Structures are given as C-alpha cells and as structure tokens.
Amino acid sequence: MARAKIPDDDGRAALAAVRAGEGARPQLATAVRYTLQRLAEQAEGNTVEVRVPPFGATQCIAGPRHTRGTPPNVVETDAATWLQLVDGRLSWRQAVAESRVSASGQRADLAAVLPLAGL
C-alpha cells in the first residue's frame, strides 16, 4: 500500500514551524517526510535509499533498481541535519566531512540534488 502524499500546504506549514523553532515532534516528522517526498519527486529513481530515522526513508536517483536486502547506495542522517541540507544551510560536502551524514555506495552523493528546489 502506498503511503499517503503530504499536501504541499501541510508540508510547507510544518517546515516553516520547524525553521522558526516552533515545531514540536509532529511538525518535525511531517517536515522530514514532506522533504523526503519532494526529494523522491525531484530526483526520481530507486538507486539510492535516503533514511532519516525515525521519521522516514525514500528511494531516489535514476539508475539500477535495488529489490532485496540492504541497498548498495544508502544515505542516512538525523532530522536536523537533513533539514539543513534541504534548506541549503549545510552543504553536502561539509555534512559528509563532519560525519553528520553516512553515505555508502558509488551513487550515494546527493550534492547534485540538494538543496531541494522550491522550498
């Protein structure tokens, strides 16, 4: 069963609340899930799995499809780092250098798709 799509108004409101420092855990969860949804829309594919525990994960980037077990290309980070990457307040290179992002696999580089457009 497909996960329900977060409406743009709800996602943007949650993102604004988190950016303003007013977001509680439900807003943080919605903001993370919304931005993962937007990533999947903007960088369609199934080559890289992006994980932001405990809030969500998505697959993105065109290329070979992964179907079983642990994906060969995985990006994992915490919610605060993810939202900074999405907004452009933190560069991909800096996040990796500071070990704020775990990126494994040849295609697990999101520098070309972050920050997300239109947010």
N, C-alpha and C. Protein backbone atom coordinates (compact mmCIF):
# COMPACT_ATOMS: atom_id res chain seq x y z
N MET A 1 0.84 -1.18 0.00
CA MET A 1 0.00 0.00 0.00
C MET A 1 0.89 1.24 0.00
N ALA A 2 0.60 2.19 -0.85
CA ALA A 2 1.37 3.42 -0.95
C ALA A 2 1.05 4.34 0.22
N ARG A 3 2.08 5.03 0.67
CA ARG A 3 1.91 5.98 1.76
C ARG A 3 1.18 7.21 1.21
N ALA A 4 0.31 7.78 2.03
CA ALA A 4 -0.44 8.96 1.63
C ALA A 4 0.51 10.14 1.38
N LYS A 5 0.25 10.86 0.33
CA LYS A 5 1.06 12.02 -0.01
C LYS A 5 0.71 13.18 0.93
N ILE A 6 1.74 13.86 1.41
CA ILE A 6 1.54 15.01 2.28
C ILE A 6 1.21 16.21 1.40
N PRO A 7 0.07 16.86 1.62
CA PRO A 7 -0.28 18.03 0.81
C PRO A 7 0.77 19.14 0.99
N ASP A 8 1.02 19.89 -0.09
CA ASP A 8 2.02 20.95 -0.05
C ASP A 8 1.78 21.94 1.09
N ASP A 9 0.54 22.34 1.30
CA ASP A 9 0.25 23.31 2.36
C ASP A 9 0.64 22.78 3.73
N ASP A 10 0.34 21.51 3.99
CA ASP A 10 0.68 20.90 5.28
C ASP A 10 2.20 20.76 5.43
N GLY A 11 2.86 20.33 4.37
CA GLY A 11 4.32 20.16 4.42
C GLY A 11 5.04 21.48 4.60
N ARG A 12 4.60 22.49 3.86
CA ARG A 12 5.24 23.81 3.98
C ARG A 12 4.99 24.43 5.35
N ALA A 13 3.80 24.22 5.91
CA ALA A 13 3.49 24.76 7.25
C ALA A 13 4.37 24.08 8.30
N ALA A 14 4.55 22.77 8.20
CA ALA A 14 5.40 22.06 9.15
C ALA A 14 6.85 22.51 9.01
N LEU A 15 7.29 22.68 7.78
CA LEU A 15 8.66 23.13 7.53
C LEU A 15 8.88 24.53 8.08
N ALA A 16 7.91 25.42 7.90
CA ALA A 16 8.01 26.78 8.42
C ALA A 16 8.06 26.77 9.95
N ALA A 17 7.26 25.93 10.58
CA ALA A 17 7.25 25.85 12.04
C ALA A 17 8.61 25.36 12.56
N VAL A 18 9.17 24.37 11.91
CA VAL A 18 10.47 23.85 12.34
C VAL A 18 11.55 24.90 12.12
N ARG A 19 11.53 25.56 10.97
CA ARG A 19 12.51 26.62 10.70
C ARG A 19 12.45 27.73 11.74
N ALA A 20 11.25 28.04 12.22
CA ALA A 20 11.05 29.12 13.19
C ALA A 20 11.35 28.66 14.62
N GLY A 21 11.68 27.38 14.78
CA GLY A 21 11.97 26.86 16.11
C GLY A 21 10.73 26.58 16.93
N GLU A 22 9.58 26.56 16.28
CA GLU A 22 8.31 26.35 16.98
C GLU A 22 7.74 24.96 16.76
N GLY A 23 8.42 24.16 15.98
CA GLY A 23 7.89 22.85 15.64
C GLY A 23 8.13 21.81 16.71
N ALA A 24 7.08 21.17 17.14
CA ALA A 24 7.19 20.03 18.06
C ALA A 24 7.46 18.78 17.23
N ARG A 25 7.55 17.65 17.88
CA ARG A 25 7.87 16.40 17.18
C ARG A 25 6.93 16.09 16.01
N PRO A 26 5.62 16.29 16.13
CA PRO A 26 4.77 16.01 14.97
C PRO A 26 5.09 16.89 13.76
N GLN A 27 5.41 18.16 13.99
CA GLN A 27 5.77 19.04 12.88
C GLN A 27 7.12 18.63 12.28
N LEU A 28 8.06 18.24 13.14
CA LEU A 28 9.36 17.78 12.66
C LEU A 28 9.19 16.54 11.79
N ALA A 29 8.38 15.61 12.24
CA ALA A 29 8.13 14.39 11.47
C ALA A 29 7.50 14.72 10.11
N THR A 30 6.53 15.62 10.11
CA THR A 30 5.88 15.99 8.85
C THR A 30 6.86 16.71 7.92
N ALA A 31 7.66 17.60 8.48
CA ALA A 31 8.65 18.33 7.67
C ALA A 31 9.64 17.37 7.02
N VAL A 32 10.13 16.41 7.78
CA VAL A 32 11.08 15.43 7.24
C VAL A 32 10.41 14.59 6.17
N ARG A 33 9.23 14.06 6.45
CA ARG A 33 8.53 13.22 5.46
C ARG A 33 8.18 14.00 4.20
N TYR A 34 7.79 15.24 4.38
CA TYR A 34 7.46 16.08 3.22
C TYR A 34 8.69 16.31 2.35
N THR A 35 9.82 16.61 2.97
CA THR A 35 11.02 16.88 2.17
C THR A 35 11.55 15.60 1.53
N LEU A 36 11.38 14.46 2.18
CA LEU A 36 11.74 13.19 1.53
C LEU A 36 10.82 12.93 0.33
N GLN A 37 9.56 13.24 0.49
CA GLN A 37 8.60 13.12 -0.62
C GLN A 37 9.02 14.01 -1.78
N ARG A 38 9.39 15.24 -1.48
CA ARG A 38 9.83 16.18 -2.53
C ARG A 38 11.11 15.69 -3.20
N LEU A 39 12.04 15.14 -2.41
CA LEU A 39 13.27 14.59 -2.99
C LEU A 39 12.93 13.49 -3.99
N ALA A 40 12.04 12.58 -3.61
CA ALA A 40 11.66 11.48 -4.49
C ALA A 40 11.00 11.99 -5.78
N GLU A 41 10.27 13.09 -5.68
CA GLU A 41 9.63 13.69 -6.86
C GLU A 41 10.66 14.37 -7.76
N GLN A 42 11.63 15.05 -7.16
CA GLN A 42 12.60 15.83 -7.94
C GLN A 42 13.74 14.98 -8.48
N ALA A 43 14.04 13.88 -7.83
CA ALA A 43 15.14 13.01 -8.25
C ALA A 43 14.61 11.58 -8.35
N GLU A 44 13.69 11.39 -9.27
CA GLU A 44 13.01 10.10 -9.39
C GLU A 44 13.99 8.96 -9.65
N GLY A 45 13.70 7.83 -9.05
CA GLY A 45 14.50 6.63 -9.25
C GLY A 45 14.52 5.77 -8.01
N ASN A 46 15.29 4.69 -8.08
CA ASN A 46 15.35 3.73 -6.98
C ASN A 46 16.77 3.28 -6.68
N THR A 47 17.75 4.09 -7.02
CA THR A 47 19.13 3.68 -6.85
C THR A 47 19.68 3.97 -5.45
N VAL A 48 19.22 5.05 -4.84
CA VAL A 48 19.73 5.47 -3.53
C VAL A 48 18.58 5.47 -2.53
N GLU A 49 18.82 4.89 -1.36
CA GLU A 49 17.84 4.96 -0.29
C GLU A 49 18.31 6.03 0.70
N VAL A 50 17.44 6.99 0.98
CA VAL A 50 17.74 8.05 1.93
C VAL A 50 16.91 7.78 3.18
N ARG A 51 17.60 7.68 4.31
CA ARG A 51 16.96 7.36 5.58
C ARG A 51 17.16 8.50 6.58
N VAL A 52 16.06 8.91 7.21
CA VAL A 52 16.11 9.91 8.27
C VAL A 52 15.32 9.33 9.44
N PRO A 53 15.99 8.44 10.21
CA PRO A 53 15.29 7.79 11.30
C PRO A 53 14.97 8.77 12.43
N PRO A 54 13.88 8.59 13.11
CA PRO A 54 12.88 7.54 12.96
C PRO A 54 11.72 7.96 12.06
N PHE A 55 11.89 9.04 11.32
CA PHE A 55 10.76 9.65 10.62
C PHE A 55 10.44 9.11 9.24
N GLY A 56 11.44 8.68 8.49
CA GLY A 56 11.10 8.20 7.17
C GLY A 56 12.31 7.82 6.33
N ALA A 57 12.00 7.28 5.17
CA ALA A 57 13.01 6.88 4.19
C ALA A 57 12.35 6.95 2.82
N THR A 58 13.18 7.14 1.81
CA THR A 58 12.67 7.13 0.45
C THR A 58 13.76 6.64 -0.48
N GLN A 59 13.38 6.28 -1.68
CA GLN A 59 14.34 5.92 -2.70
C GLN A 59 14.30 7.00 -3.78
N CYS A 60 15.48 7.27 -4.35
CA CYS A 60 15.59 8.32 -5.36
C CYS A 60 16.78 8.04 -6.27
N ILE A 61 17.02 8.89 -7.20
CA ILE A 61 18.11 8.89 -8.16
C ILE A 61 17.94 7.76 -9.19
N ALA A 62 17.92 8.15 -10.43
CA ALA A 62 17.78 7.18 -11.52
C ALA A 62 19.00 6.28 -11.62
N GLY A 63 18.79 5.05 -12.02
CA GLY A 63 19.88 4.09 -12.18
C GLY A 63 19.39 2.70 -11.88
N PRO A 64 20.32 1.79 -11.61
CA PRO A 64 19.93 0.40 -11.34
C PRO A 64 19.01 0.31 -10.14
N ARG A 65 17.99 -0.49 -10.26
CA ARG A 65 16.99 -0.65 -9.21
C ARG A 65 17.43 -1.71 -8.21
N HIS A 66 17.24 -1.40 -6.94
CA HIS A 66 17.52 -2.34 -5.85
C HIS A 66 16.21 -3.01 -5.46
N THR A 67 16.22 -4.34 -5.25
CA THR A 67 14.97 -5.02 -4.93
C THR A 67 14.98 -5.82 -3.63
N ARG A 68 16.13 -6.30 -3.17
CA ARG A 68 16.14 -7.15 -1.97
C ARG A 68 17.31 -6.79 -1.06
N GLY A 69 17.08 -6.94 0.24
CA GLY A 69 18.15 -6.74 1.20
C GLY A 69 18.55 -5.28 1.36
N THR A 70 19.73 -5.06 1.89
CA THR A 70 20.24 -3.71 2.09
C THR A 70 20.63 -3.12 0.75
N PRO A 71 20.15 -1.93 0.45
CA PRO A 71 20.50 -1.31 -0.82
C PRO A 71 22.00 -1.01 -0.91
N PRO A 72 22.58 -1.04 -2.10
CA PRO A 72 24.01 -0.77 -2.25
C PRO A 72 24.36 0.71 -2.05
N ASN A 73 23.39 1.59 -2.16
CA ASN A 73 23.61 3.03 -2.02
C ASN A 73 22.66 3.57 -0.96
N VAL A 74 23.22 3.91 0.19
CA VAL A 74 22.41 4.36 1.32
C VAL A 74 22.96 5.66 1.88
N VAL A 75 22.04 6.58 2.14
CA VAL A 75 22.36 7.83 2.83
C VAL A 75 21.53 7.85 4.10
N GLU A 76 22.17 8.13 5.23
CA GLU A 76 21.44 8.20 6.48
C GLU A 76 21.93 9.39 7.29
N THR A 77 20.97 10.10 7.89
CA THR A 77 21.30 11.25 8.72
C THR A 77 20.17 11.50 9.71
N ASP A 78 20.39 12.42 10.63
CA ASP A 78 19.36 12.79 11.59
C ASP A 78 18.47 13.88 10.99
N ALA A 79 17.35 14.14 11.64
CA ALA A 79 16.36 15.08 11.11
C ALA A 79 16.91 16.50 10.99
N ALA A 80 17.63 16.98 12.00
CA ALA A 80 18.15 18.35 11.97
C ALA A 80 19.13 18.54 10.82
N THR A 81 20.03 17.59 10.64
CA THR A 81 20.99 17.68 9.54
C THR A 81 20.27 17.61 8.21
N TRP A 82 19.31 16.70 8.08
CA TRP A 82 18.57 16.57 6.83
C TRP A 82 17.91 17.89 6.44
N LEU A 83 17.25 18.52 7.39
CA LEU A 83 16.55 19.76 7.07
C LEU A 83 17.53 20.89 6.75
N GLN A 84 18.70 20.89 7.34
CA GLN A 84 19.72 21.88 6.99
C GLN A 84 20.23 21.64 5.57
N LEU A 85 20.39 20.39 5.19
CA LEU A 85 20.80 20.06 3.82
C LEU A 85 19.73 20.48 2.81
N VAL A 86 18.49 20.19 3.14
CA VAL A 86 17.36 20.51 2.27
C VAL A 86 17.26 22.01 2.02
N ASP A 87 17.49 22.79 3.09
CA ASP A 87 17.40 24.25 3.02
C ASP A 87 18.63 24.92 2.42
N GLY A 88 19.75 24.20 2.35
CA GLY A 88 20.98 24.80 1.87
C GLY A 88 21.78 25.49 2.97
N ARG A 89 21.38 25.30 4.22
CA ARG A 89 22.13 25.88 5.34
C ARG A 89 23.38 25.06 5.65
N LEU A 90 23.46 23.88 5.09
CA LEU A 90 24.59 22.98 5.26
C LEU A 90 24.87 22.35 3.90
N SER A 91 26.13 22.36 3.49
CA SER A 91 26.47 21.75 2.20
C SER A 91 26.67 20.25 2.37
N TRP A 92 26.44 19.53 1.30
CA TRP A 92 26.63 18.09 1.30
C TRP A 92 28.07 17.75 1.70
N ARG A 93 29.01 18.43 1.08
CA ARG A 93 30.43 18.18 1.34
C ARG A 93 30.76 18.37 2.83
N GLN A 94 30.26 19.45 3.42
CA GLN A 94 30.52 19.74 4.82
C GLN A 94 29.88 18.68 5.72
N ALA A 95 28.65 18.30 5.42
CA ALA A 95 27.95 17.30 6.23
C ALA A 95 28.69 15.96 6.22
N VAL A 96 29.19 15.56 5.06
CA VAL A 96 29.94 14.31 4.96
C VAL A 96 31.27 14.44 5.70
N ALA A 97 31.96 15.57 5.51
CA ALA A 97 33.26 15.78 6.17
C ALA A 97 33.13 15.77 7.69
N GLU A 98 32.02 16.28 8.20
CA GLU A 98 31.80 16.33 9.65
C GLU A 98 31.12 15.06 10.18
N SER A 99 30.97 14.06 9.32
CA SER A 99 30.32 12.79 9.69
C SER A 99 28.90 12.98 10.20
N ARG A 100 28.21 13.99 9.69
CA ARG A 100 26.81 14.20 10.04
C ARG A 100 25.90 13.42 9.11
N VAL A 101 26.50 12.89 8.05
CA VAL A 101 25.79 12.07 7.07
C VAL A 101 26.62 10.81 6.85
N SER A 102 25.95 9.68 6.82
CA SER A 102 26.59 8.44 6.43
C SER A 102 26.15 8.16 5.00
N ALA A 103 27.11 8.07 4.09
CA ALA A 103 26.79 7.83 2.68
C ALA A 103 27.65 6.68 2.18
N SER A 104 27.00 5.58 1.81
CA SER A 104 27.75 4.43 1.31
C SER A 104 27.25 4.06 -0.08
N GLY A 105 28.18 3.68 -0.91
CA GLY A 105 27.84 3.29 -2.28
C GLY A 105 28.32 4.34 -3.27
N GLN A 106 28.53 3.89 -4.50
CA GLN A 106 29.06 4.76 -5.55
C GLN A 106 28.13 5.90 -5.92
N ARG A 107 26.85 5.72 -5.76
CA ARG A 107 25.88 6.73 -6.17
C ARG A 107 25.28 7.51 -5.00
N ALA A 108 25.81 7.31 -3.81
CA ALA A 108 25.23 7.91 -2.61
C ALA A 108 25.77 9.32 -2.36
N ASP A 109 25.76 10.13 -3.39
CA ASP A 109 26.19 11.53 -3.28
C ASP A 109 25.01 12.39 -3.72
N LEU A 110 24.43 13.13 -2.79
CA LEU A 110 23.24 13.93 -3.10
C LEU A 110 23.56 15.40 -3.36
N ALA A 111 24.84 15.72 -3.56
CA ALA A 111 25.24 17.11 -3.78
C ALA A 111 24.51 17.74 -4.97
N ALA A 112 24.24 16.95 -5.98
CA ALA A 112 23.60 17.48 -7.19
C ALA A 112 22.11 17.77 -7.00
N VAL A 113 21.49 17.21 -5.97
CA VAL A 113 20.04 17.40 -5.78
C VAL A 113 19.69 18.19 -4.53
N LEU A 114 20.71 18.54 -3.73
CA LEU A 114 20.48 19.33 -2.52
C LEU A 114 21.19 20.67 -2.64
N PRO A 115 20.61 21.75 -2.17
CA PRO A 115 19.32 21.86 -1.51
C PRO A 115 18.17 21.59 -2.49
N LEU A 116 17.01 21.26 -1.94
CA LEU A 116 15.84 21.00 -2.76
C LEU A 116 15.28 22.29 -3.34
N ALA A 117 14.93 22.24 -4.59
CA ALA A 117 14.35 23.40 -5.26
C ALA A 117 12.91 23.63 -4.81
N GLY A 118 12.51 24.87 -4.72
CA GLY A 118 11.12 25.20 -4.48
C GLY A 118 10.65 25.14 -3.05
N LEU A 119 11.58 25.10 -2.09
CA LEU A 119 11.15 25.07 -0.71
C LEU A 119 11.48 26.40 -0.05
